PDB file of all heavy atoms in Angstrom:
ATOM      1  N   ARG A   1     -44.531 -26.792 -61.680  1.00  0.00           N
ATOM      2  CA  ARG A   1     -44.204 -26.294 -60.277  1.00  0.00           C
ATOM      3  C   ARG A   1     -43.335 -25.115 -60.227  1.00  0.00           C
ATOM      4  O   ARG A   1     -43.541 -24.073 -59.629  1.00  0.00           O
ATOM      5  CB  ARG A   1     -43.740 -27.465 -59.343  1.00  0.00           C
ATOM      6  CG  ARG A   1     -43.408 -26.929 -57.904  1.00  0.00           C
ATOM      7  CD  ARG A   1     -42.751 -27.994 -57.121  1.00  0.00           C
ATOM      8  NE  ARG A   1     -41.508 -28.641 -57.784  1.00  0.00           N
ATOM      9  CZ  ARG A   1     -40.367 -28.092 -57.914  1.00  0.00           C
ATOM     10  NH1 ARG A   1     -40.120 -26.800 -57.548  1.00  0.00           N
ATOM     11  NH2 ARG A   1     -39.374 -28.670 -58.491  1.00  0.00           N
ATOM     12  N   MET A   2     -42.209 -25.109 -61.006  1.00  0.00           N
ATOM     13  CA  MET A   2     -41.364 -23.990 -61.069  1.00  0.00           C
ATOM     14  C   MET A   2     -41.857 -22.753 -61.586  1.00  0.00           C
ATOM     15  O   MET A   2     -41.783 -21.593 -61.085  1.00  0.00           O
ATOM     16  CB  MET A   2     -40.008 -24.479 -61.761  1.00  0.00           C
ATOM     17  CG  MET A   2     -39.128 -25.269 -61.031  1.00  0.00           C
ATOM     18  SD  MET A   2     -37.521 -25.662 -61.757  1.00  0.00           S
ATOM     19  CE  MET A   2     -38.051 -26.621 -63.339  1.00  0.00           C
ATOM     20  N   VAL A   3     -42.769 -22.904 -62.639  1.00  0.00           N
ATOM     21  CA  VAL A   3     -43.315 -21.790 -63.288  1.00  0.00           C
ATOM     22  C   VAL A   3     -44.407 -21.164 -62.350  1.00  0.00           C
ATOM     23  O   VAL A   3     -44.408 -19.927 -61.994  1.00  0.00           O
ATOM     24  CB  VAL A   3     -44.091 -22.160 -64.639  1.00  0.00           C
ATOM     25  CG1 VAL A   3     -45.100 -21.146 -64.991  1.00  0.00           C
ATOM     26  CG2 VAL A   3     -43.084 -22.477 -65.615  1.00  0.00           C
ATOM     27  N   LEU A   4     -45.163 -21.895 -61.680  1.00  0.00           N
ATOM     28  CA  LEU A   4     -46.191 -21.371 -60.813  1.00  0.00           C
ATOM     29  C   LEU A   4     -45.598 -20.759 -59.499  1.00  0.00           C
ATOM     30  O   LEU A   4     -46.090 -19.817 -59.002  1.00  0.00           O
ATOM     31  CB  LEU A   4     -47.172 -22.492 -60.499  1.00  0.00           C
ATOM     32  CG  LEU A   4     -47.976 -22.986 -61.564  1.00  0.00           C
ATOM     33  CD1 LEU A   4     -48.940 -24.108 -61.208  1.00  0.00           C
ATOM     34  CD2 LEU A   4     -48.756 -21.935 -62.356  1.00  0.00           C
ATOM     35  N   GLU A   5     -44.592 -21.567 -59.005  1.00  0.00           N
ATOM     36  CA  GLU A   5     -43.890 -20.855 -57.757  1.00  0.00           C
ATOM     37  C   GLU A   5     -43.277 -19.497 -58.233  1.00  0.00           C
ATOM     38  O   GLU A   5     -43.205 -18.645 -57.289  1.00  0.00           O
ATOM     39  CB  GLU A   5     -42.900 -21.784 -57.293  1.00  0.00           C
ATOM     40  CG  GLU A   5     -43.528 -23.093 -56.603  1.00  0.00           C
ATOM     41  CD  GLU A   5     -42.479 -24.094 -56.048  1.00  0.00           C
ATOM     42  OE1 GLU A   5     -41.413 -24.035 -56.470  1.00  0.00           O
ATOM     43  OE2 GLU A   5     -43.086 -24.853 -55.205  1.00  0.00           O
ATOM     44  N   SER A   6     -42.839 -19.305 -59.385  1.00  0.00           N
ATOM     45  CA  SER A   6     -42.213 -18.167 -59.751  1.00  0.00           C
ATOM     46  C   SER A   6     -43.342 -17.004 -59.825  1.00  0.00           C
ATOM     47  O   SER A   6     -42.952 -15.816 -59.720  1.00  0.00           O
ATOM     48  CB  SER A   6     -41.404 -18.190 -61.212  1.00  0.00           C
ATOM     49  OG  SER A   6     -42.503 -18.174 -62.172  1.00  0.00           O
ATOM     50  N   TYR A   7     -44.521 -17.308 -59.896  1.00  0.00           N
ATOM     51  CA  TYR A   7     -45.734 -16.335 -59.819  1.00  0.00           C
ATOM     52  C   TYR A   7     -46.160 -16.303 -58.317  1.00  0.00           C
ATOM     53  O   TYR A   7     -47.177 -15.719 -58.038  1.00  0.00           O
ATOM     54  CB  TYR A   7     -46.769 -16.843 -60.641  1.00  0.00           C
ATOM     55  CG  TYR A   7     -46.570 -16.465 -62.146  1.00  0.00           C
ATOM     56  CD1 TYR A   7     -45.848 -17.276 -62.972  1.00  0.00           C
ATOM     57  CD2 TYR A   7     -47.141 -15.401 -62.680  1.00  0.00           C
ATOM     58  CE1 TYR A   7     -45.679 -17.072 -64.287  1.00  0.00           C
ATOM     59  CE2 TYR A   7     -46.869 -14.960 -64.014  1.00  0.00           C
ATOM     60  CZ  TYR A   7     -46.184 -15.827 -64.754  1.00  0.00           C
ATOM     61  OH  TYR A   7     -46.020 -15.525 -66.215  1.00  0.00           O
ATOM     62  N   GLY A   8     -45.405 -16.918 -57.390  1.00  0.00           N
ATOM     63  CA  GLY A   8     -45.755 -16.771 -55.939  1.00  0.00           C
ATOM     64  C   GLY A   8     -46.887 -17.814 -55.528  1.00  0.00           C
ATOM     65  O   GLY A   8     -47.401 -17.529 -54.390  1.00  0.00           O
ATOM     66  N   MET A   9     -47.151 -18.788 -56.389  1.00  0.00           N
ATOM     67  CA  MET A   9     -48.159 -19.858 -56.040  1.00  0.00           C
ATOM     68  C   MET A   9     -47.625 -21.012 -55.145  1.00  0.00           C
ATOM     69  O   MET A   9     -46.407 -21.331 -55.401  1.00  0.00           O
ATOM     70  CB  MET A   9     -48.813 -20.303 -57.227  1.00  0.00           C
ATOM     71  CG  MET A   9     -49.684 -19.278 -57.978  1.00  0.00           C
ATOM     72  SD  MET A   9     -50.512 -19.954 -59.387  1.00  0.00           S
ATOM     73  CE  MET A   9     -51.112 -18.504 -60.097  1.00  0.00           C
ATOM     74  N   HIS A  10     -48.481 -21.535 -54.248  1.00  0.00           N
ATOM     75  CA  HIS A  10     -48.017 -22.707 -53.588  1.00  0.00           C
ATOM     76  C   HIS A  10     -48.419 -23.943 -54.319  1.00  0.00           C
ATOM     77  O   HIS A  10     -49.649 -23.940 -54.755  1.00  0.00           O
ATOM     78  CB  HIS A  10     -48.618 -22.699 -52.124  1.00  0.00           C
ATOM     79  CG  HIS A  10     -48.247 -23.706 -51.264  1.00  0.00           C
ATOM     80  ND1 HIS A  10     -46.879 -23.899 -50.759  1.00  0.00           N
ATOM     81  CD2 HIS A  10     -48.857 -24.881 -50.815  1.00  0.00           C
ATOM     82  CE1 HIS A  10     -46.885 -24.956 -50.069  1.00  0.00           C
ATOM     83  NE2 HIS A  10     -47.956 -25.610 -49.962  1.00  0.00           N
ATOM     84  N   VAL A  11     -47.542 -24.822 -54.524  1.00  0.00           N
ATOM     85  CA  VAL A  11     -47.833 -26.025 -55.528  1.00  0.00           C
ATOM     86  C   VAL A  11     -47.480 -27.250 -54.742  1.00  0.00           C
ATOM     87  O   VAL A  11     -46.348 -27.433 -54.119  1.00  0.00           O
ATOM     88  CB  VAL A  11     -46.904 -25.824 -56.782  1.00  0.00           C
ATOM     89  CG1 VAL A  11     -47.182 -26.968 -57.685  1.00  0.00           C
ATOM     90  CG2 VAL A  11     -47.153 -24.423 -57.520  1.00  0.00           C
ATOM     91  N   GLN A  12     -48.320 -28.224 -55.000  1.00  0.00           N
ATOM     92  CA  GLN A  12     -48.045 -29.613 -54.548  1.00  0.00           C
ATOM     93  C   GLN A  12     -48.136 -30.522 -55.902  1.00  0.00           C
ATOM     94  O   GLN A  12     -49.080 -30.207 -56.595  1.00  0.00           O
ATOM     95  CB  GLN A  12     -49.044 -30.192 -53.561  1.00  0.00           C
ATOM     96  CG  GLN A  12     -48.920 -29.406 -52.123  1.00  0.00           C
ATOM     97  CD  GLN A  12     -47.726 -29.890 -51.458  1.00  0.00           C
ATOM     98  OE1 GLN A  12     -47.204 -31.044 -51.593  1.00  0.00           O
ATOM     99  NE2 GLN A  12     -47.018 -28.937 -50.842  1.00  0.00           N
ATOM    100  N   THR A  13     -47.371 -31.431 -56.035  1.00  0.00           N
ATOM    101  CA  THR A  13     -47.396 -32.317 -57.266  1.00  0.00           C
ATOM    102  C   THR A  13     -47.668 -33.761 -56.866  1.00  0.00           C
ATOM    103  O   THR A  13     -47.373 -34.224 -55.793  1.00  0.00           O
ATOM    104  CB  THR A  13     -46.104 -32.254 -58.109  1.00  0.00           C
ATOM    105  OG1 THR A  13     -45.033 -32.676 -57.354  1.00  0.00           O
ATOM    106  CG2 THR A  13     -45.853 -30.722 -58.586  1.00  0.00           C
ATOM    107  N   TYR A  14     -48.337 -34.421 -57.824  1.00  0.00           N
ATOM    108  CA  TYR A  14     -48.718 -35.807 -57.674  1.00  0.00           C
ATOM    109  C   TYR A  14     -48.605 -36.585 -59.046  1.00  0.00           C
ATOM    110  O   TYR A  14     -49.005 -35.998 -60.014  1.00  0.00           O
ATOM    111  CB  TYR A  14     -50.186 -35.946 -57.190  1.00  0.00           C
ATOM    112  CG  TYR A  14     -50.634 -35.057 -56.073  1.00  0.00           C
ATOM    113  CD1 TYR A  14     -50.816 -33.658 -56.329  1.00  0.00           C
ATOM    114  CD2 TYR A  14     -50.410 -35.533 -54.770  1.00  0.00           C
ATOM    115  CE1 TYR A  14     -51.227 -32.936 -55.222  1.00  0.00           C
ATOM    116  CE2 TYR A  14     -50.744 -34.629 -53.706  1.00  0.00           C
ATOM    117  CZ  TYR A  14     -51.175 -33.339 -53.958  1.00  0.00           C
ATOM    118  OH  TYR A  14     -51.333 -32.544 -52.968  1.00  0.00           O
ATOM    119  N   GLU A  15     -48.123 -37.798 -58.899  1.00  0.00           N
ATOM    120  CA  GLU A  15     -47.873 -38.527 -60.159  1.00  0.00           C
ATOM    121  C   GLU A  15     -49.120 -39.238 -60.707  1.00  0.00           C
ATOM    122  O   GLU A  15     -49.116 -39.725 -61.791  1.00  0.00           O
ATOM    123  CB  GLU A  15     -46.729 -39.558 -59.983  1.00  0.00           C
ATOM    124  CG  GLU A  15     -47.041 -40.712 -59.063  1.00  0.00           C
ATOM    125  CD  GLU A  15     -46.783 -40.463 -57.664  1.00  0.00           C
ATOM    126  OE1 GLU A  15     -46.342 -39.328 -57.316  1.00  0.00           O
ATOM    127  OE2 GLU A  15     -47.044 -41.332 -56.814  1.00  0.00           O
ATOM    128  N   SER A  16     -50.268 -39.165 -59.939  1.00  0.00           N
ATOM    129  CA  SER A  16     -51.438 -39.807 -60.368  1.00  0.00           C
ATOM    130  C   SER A  16     -52.701 -39.393 -59.530  1.00  0.00           C
ATOM    131  O   SER A  16     -52.382 -38.798 -58.454  1.00  0.00           O
ATOM    132  CB  SER A  16     -51.405 -41.377 -60.221  1.00  0.00           C
ATOM    133  OG  SER A  16     -51.307 -41.695 -58.764  1.00  0.00           O
ATOM    134  N   GLY A  17     -53.791 -39.642 -60.048  1.00  0.00           N
ATOM    135  CA  GLY A  17     -54.912 -39.209 -59.255  1.00  0.00           C
ATOM    136  C   GLY A  17     -55.047 -40.015 -57.829  1.00  0.00           C
ATOM    137  O   GLY A  17     -55.388 -39.534 -56.824  1.00  0.00           O
ATOM    138  N   ARG A  18     -54.544 -41.345 -57.898  1.00  0.00           N
ATOM    139  CA  ARG A  18     -54.508 -42.108 -56.644  1.00  0.00           C
ATOM    140  C   ARG A  18     -53.633 -41.555 -55.633  1.00  0.00           C
ATOM    141  O   ARG A  18     -53.872 -41.511 -54.492  1.00  0.00           O
ATOM    142  CB  ARG A  18     -54.241 -43.491 -56.936  1.00  0.00           C
ATOM    143  CG  ARG A  18     -55.236 -44.325 -57.703  1.00  0.00           C
ATOM    144  CD  ARG A  18     -54.870 -45.787 -57.933  1.00  0.00           C
ATOM    145  NE  ARG A  18     -55.673 -46.612 -58.538  1.00  0.00           N
ATOM    146  CZ  ARG A  18     -56.708 -46.532 -59.395  1.00  0.00           C
ATOM    147  NH1 ARG A  18     -57.268 -45.369 -59.538  1.00  0.00           N
ATOM    148  NH2 ARG A  18     -57.354 -47.476 -59.902  1.00  0.00           N
ATOM    149  N   ALA A  19     -52.538 -40.884 -56.135  1.00  0.00           N
ATOM    150  CA  ALA A  19     -51.538 -40.243 -55.216  1.00  0.00           C
ATOM    151  C   ALA A  19     -52.121 -39.052 -54.596  1.00  0.00           C
ATOM    152  O   ALA A  19     -51.945 -38.821 -53.325  1.00  0.00           O
ATOM    153  CB  ALA A  19     -50.195 -40.020 -55.949  1.00  0.00           C
ATOM    154  N   PHE A  20     -52.866 -38.299 -55.352  1.00  0.00           N
ATOM    155  CA  PHE A  20     -53.413 -37.084 -54.905  1.00  0.00           C
ATOM    156  C   PHE A  20     -54.494 -37.548 -53.717  1.00  0.00           C
ATOM    157  O   PHE A  20     -54.570 -36.999 -52.699  1.00  0.00           O
ATOM    158  CB  PHE A  20     -54.300 -36.463 -55.919  1.00  0.00           C
ATOM    159  CG  PHE A  20     -55.150 -35.325 -55.433  1.00  0.00           C
ATOM    160  CD1 PHE A  20     -54.666 -34.089 -55.116  1.00  0.00           C
ATOM    161  CD2 PHE A  20     -56.550 -35.524 -55.198  1.00  0.00           C
ATOM    162  CE1 PHE A  20     -55.340 -32.912 -54.672  1.00  0.00           C
ATOM    163  CE2 PHE A  20     -57.366 -34.440 -54.789  1.00  0.00           C
ATOM    164  CZ  PHE A  20     -56.809 -33.256 -54.524  1.00  0.00           C
ATOM    165  N   LEU A  21     -55.303 -38.497 -54.103  1.00  0.00           N
ATOM    166  CA  LEU A  21     -56.403 -38.983 -52.975  1.00  0.00           C
ATOM    167  C   LEU A  21     -55.692 -39.396 -51.731  1.00  0.00           C
ATOM    168  O   LEU A  21     -56.268 -39.293 -50.735  1.00  0.00           O
ATOM    169  CB  LEU A  21     -57.281 -40.041 -53.598  1.00  0.00           C
ATOM    170  CG  LEU A  21     -58.104 -39.591 -54.781  1.00  0.00           C
ATOM    171  CD1 LEU A  21     -58.996 -40.782 -55.355  1.00  0.00           C
ATOM    172  CD2 LEU A  21     -59.157 -38.533 -54.206  1.00  0.00           C
ATOM    173  N   ALA A  22     -54.630 -40.069 -51.870  1.00  0.00           N
ATOM    174  CA  ALA A  22     -53.893 -40.759 -50.679  1.00  0.00           C
ATOM    175  C   ALA A  22     -53.080 -39.604 -49.800  1.00  0.00           C
ATOM    176  O   ALA A  22     -53.050 -39.969 -48.757  1.00  0.00           O
ATOM    177  CB  ALA A  22     -52.896 -41.773 -51.220  1.00  0.00           C
ATOM    178  N   THR A  23     -52.822 -38.521 -50.392  1.00  0.00           N
ATOM    179  CA  THR A  23     -52.052 -37.681 -49.790  1.00  0.00           C
ATOM    180  C   THR A  23     -52.551 -36.198 -49.560  1.00  0.00           C
ATOM    181  O   THR A  23     -52.132 -35.567 -48.682  1.00  0.00           O
ATOM    182  CB  THR A  23     -50.628 -37.511 -50.238  1.00  0.00           C
ATOM    183  OG1 THR A  23     -50.776 -37.081 -51.666  1.00  0.00           O
ATOM    184  CG2 THR A  23     -49.814 -38.816 -50.320  1.00  0.00           C
ATOM    185  N   ALA A  24     -53.430 -35.732 -50.361  1.00  0.00           N
ATOM    186  CA  ALA A  24     -53.907 -34.390 -50.303  1.00  0.00           C
ATOM    187  C   ALA A  24     -54.888 -34.250 -49.212  1.00  0.00           C
ATOM    188  O   ALA A  24     -55.714 -35.078 -48.944  1.00  0.00           O
ATOM    189  CB  ALA A  24     -54.523 -33.972 -51.557  1.00  0.00           C
ATOM    190  N   ASP A  25     -54.873 -33.101 -48.534  1.00  0.00           N
ATOM    191  CA  ASP A  25     -55.726 -32.756 -47.374  1.00  0.00           C
ATOM    192  C   ASP A  25     -57.156 -32.706 -47.857  1.00  0.00           C
ATOM    193  O   ASP A  25     -57.466 -32.057 -48.920  1.00  0.00           O
ATOM    194  CB  ASP A  25     -55.315 -31.392 -46.876  1.00  0.00           C
ATOM    195  CG  ASP A  25     -56.071 -31.014 -45.513  1.00  0.00           C
ATOM    196  OD1 ASP A  25     -57.090 -31.704 -45.280  1.00  0.00           O
ATOM    197  OD2 ASP A  25     -55.703 -30.067 -44.977  1.00  0.00           O
ATOM    198  N   GLU A  26     -58.065 -33.186 -47.241  1.00  0.00           N
ATOM    199  CA  GLU A  26     -59.531 -33.254 -47.692  1.00  0.00           C
ATOM    200  C   GLU A  26     -60.107 -31.707 -47.738  1.00  0.00           C
ATOM    201  O   GLU A  26     -60.928 -31.519 -48.532  1.00  0.00           O
ATOM    202  CB  GLU A  26     -60.350 -33.963 -46.575  1.00  0.00           C
ATOM    203  CG  GLU A  26     -60.926 -35.262 -46.730  1.00  0.00           C
ATOM    204  CD  GLU A  26     -61.678 -35.819 -47.863  1.00  0.00           C
ATOM    205  OE1 GLU A  26     -62.704 -35.348 -48.323  1.00  0.00           O
ATOM    206  OE2 GLU A  26     -60.916 -36.653 -48.390  1.00  0.00           O
ATOM    207  N   ASP A  27     -59.528 -30.874 -46.943  1.00  0.00           N
ATOM    208  CA  ASP A  27     -59.963 -29.576 -46.945  1.00  0.00           C
ATOM    209  C   ASP A  27     -59.234 -28.531 -47.650  1.00  0.00           C
ATOM    210  O   ASP A  27     -59.166 -27.306 -47.455  1.00  0.00           O
ATOM    211  CB  ASP A  27     -60.104 -29.180 -45.385  1.00  0.00           C
ATOM    212  CG  ASP A  27     -60.990 -29.963 -44.631  1.00  0.00           C
ATOM    213  OD1 ASP A  27     -62.014 -30.388 -45.169  1.00  0.00           O
ATOM    214  OD2 ASP A  27     -60.784 -30.358 -43.423  1.00  0.00           O
ATOM    215  N   SER A  28     -58.420 -29.039 -48.586  1.00  0.00           N
ATOM    216  CA  SER A  28     -57.574 -28.213 -49.320  1.00  0.00           C
ATOM    217  C   SER A  28     -58.253 -27.076 -50.036  1.00  0.00           C
ATOM    218  O   SER A  28     -59.459 -27.461 -50.603  1.00  0.00           O
ATOM    219  CB  SER A  28     -56.641 -28.929 -50.370  1.00  0.00           C
ATOM    220  OG  SER A  28     -55.681 -29.750 -49.771  1.00  0.00           O
ATOM    221  N   SER A  29     -57.678 -25.973 -50.198  1.00  0.00           N
ATOM    222  CA  SER A  29     -58.340 -25.004 -51.004  1.00  0.00           C
ATOM    223  C   SER A  29     -57.487 -24.702 -52.216  1.00  0.00           C
ATOM    224  O   SER A  29     -56.292 -25.165 -52.176  1.00  0.00           O
ATOM    225  CB  SER A  29     -58.459 -23.599 -50.163  1.00  0.00           C
ATOM    226  OG  SER A  29     -57.314 -23.131 -49.850  1.00  0.00           O
ATOM    227  N   GLY A  30     -57.862 -23.945 -53.152  1.00  0.00           N
ATOM    228  CA  GLY A  30     -57.035 -23.674 -54.346  1.00  0.00           C
ATOM    229  C   GLY A  30     -57.620 -24.454 -55.456  1.00  0.00           C
ATOM    230  O   GLY A  30     -59.019 -24.274 -55.723  1.00  0.00           O
ATOM    231  N   CYS A  31     -56.939 -25.169 -56.295  1.00  0.00           N
ATOM    232  CA  CYS A  31     -57.373 -25.888 -57.456  1.00  0.00           C
ATOM    233  C   CYS A  31     -56.505 -27.057 -57.752  1.00  0.00           C
ATOM    234  O   CYS A  31     -55.468 -27.253 -57.282  1.00  0.00           O
ATOM    235  CB  CYS A  31     -57.588 -24.949 -58.721  1.00  0.00           C
ATOM    236  SG  CYS A  31     -55.928 -24.422 -59.338  1.00  0.00           S
ATOM    237  N   LEU A  32     -57.144 -27.812 -58.739  1.00  0.00           N
ATOM    238  CA  LEU A  32     -56.435 -29.024 -59.135  1.00  0.00           C
ATOM    239  C   LEU A  32     -56.176 -28.836 -60.721  1.00  0.00           C
ATOM    240  O   LEU A  32     -57.080 -28.507 -61.423  1.00  0.00           O
ATOM    241  CB  LEU A  32     -57.382 -30.225 -59.002  1.00  0.00           C
ATOM    242  CG  LEU A  32     -56.864 -31.524 -59.379  1.00  0.00           C
ATOM    243  CD1 LEU A  32     -55.715 -32.054 -58.387  1.00  0.00           C
ATOM    244  CD2 LEU A  32     -58.032 -32.533 -59.168  1.00  0.00           C
ATOM    245  N   LEU A  33     -54.815 -28.912 -61.113  1.00  0.00           N
ATOM    246  CA  LEU A  33     -54.468 -28.885 -62.493  1.00  0.00           C
ATOM    247  C   LEU A  33     -54.225 -30.377 -62.953  1.00  0.00           C
ATOM    248  O   LEU A  33     -53.283 -30.994 -62.449  1.00  0.00           O
ATOM    249  CB  LEU A  33     -53.175 -28.010 -62.586  1.00  0.00           C
ATOM    250  CG  LEU A  33     -52.679 -27.702 -63.953  1.00  0.00           C
ATOM    251  CD1 LEU A  33     -53.660 -26.847 -64.697  1.00  0.00           C
ATOM    252  CD2 LEU A  33     -51.359 -26.977 -63.723  1.00  0.00           C
ATOM    253  N   LEU A  34     -55.114 -30.713 -63.828  1.00  0.00           N
ATOM    254  CA  LEU A  34     -55.176 -32.216 -64.042  1.00  0.00           C
ATOM    255  C   LEU A  34     -54.934 -32.525 -65.496  1.00  0.00           C
ATOM    256  O   LEU A  34     -55.634 -32.111 -66.349  1.00  0.00           O
ATOM    257  CB  LEU A  34     -56.570 -32.735 -63.625  1.00  0.00           C
ATOM    258  CG  LEU A  34     -56.958 -34.210 -63.841  1.00  0.00           C
ATOM    259  CD1 LEU A  34     -56.003 -35.130 -63.038  1.00  0.00           C
ATOM    260  CD2 LEU A  34     -58.376 -34.339 -63.301  1.00  0.00           C
ATOM    261  N   ASP A  35     -53.904 -33.445 -65.751  1.00  0.00           N
ATOM    262  CA  ASP A  35     -53.644 -33.917 -67.147  1.00  0.00           C
ATOM    263  C   ASP A  35     -54.731 -34.952 -67.514  1.00  0.00           C
ATOM    264  O   ASP A  35     -54.999 -35.813 -66.690  1.00  0.00           O
ATOM    265  CB  ASP A  35     -52.184 -34.452 -67.261  1.00  0.00           C
ATOM    266  CG  ASP A  35     -51.776 -34.890 -68.524  1.00  0.00           C
ATOM    267  OD1 ASP A  35     -52.100 -34.194 -69.544  1.00  0.00           O
ATOM    268  OD2 ASP A  35     -51.157 -35.871 -68.696  1.00  0.00           O
TER     269      ASP A  35
END
């Protein structure tokens, strides 16, 4: 998050796929960085 924000990107973090599904907006644009 800190690295990407230093490049001017807007970042949201999630501890799991389930957390992403529970909280991310259905219509989000951008991308998913997935471990």
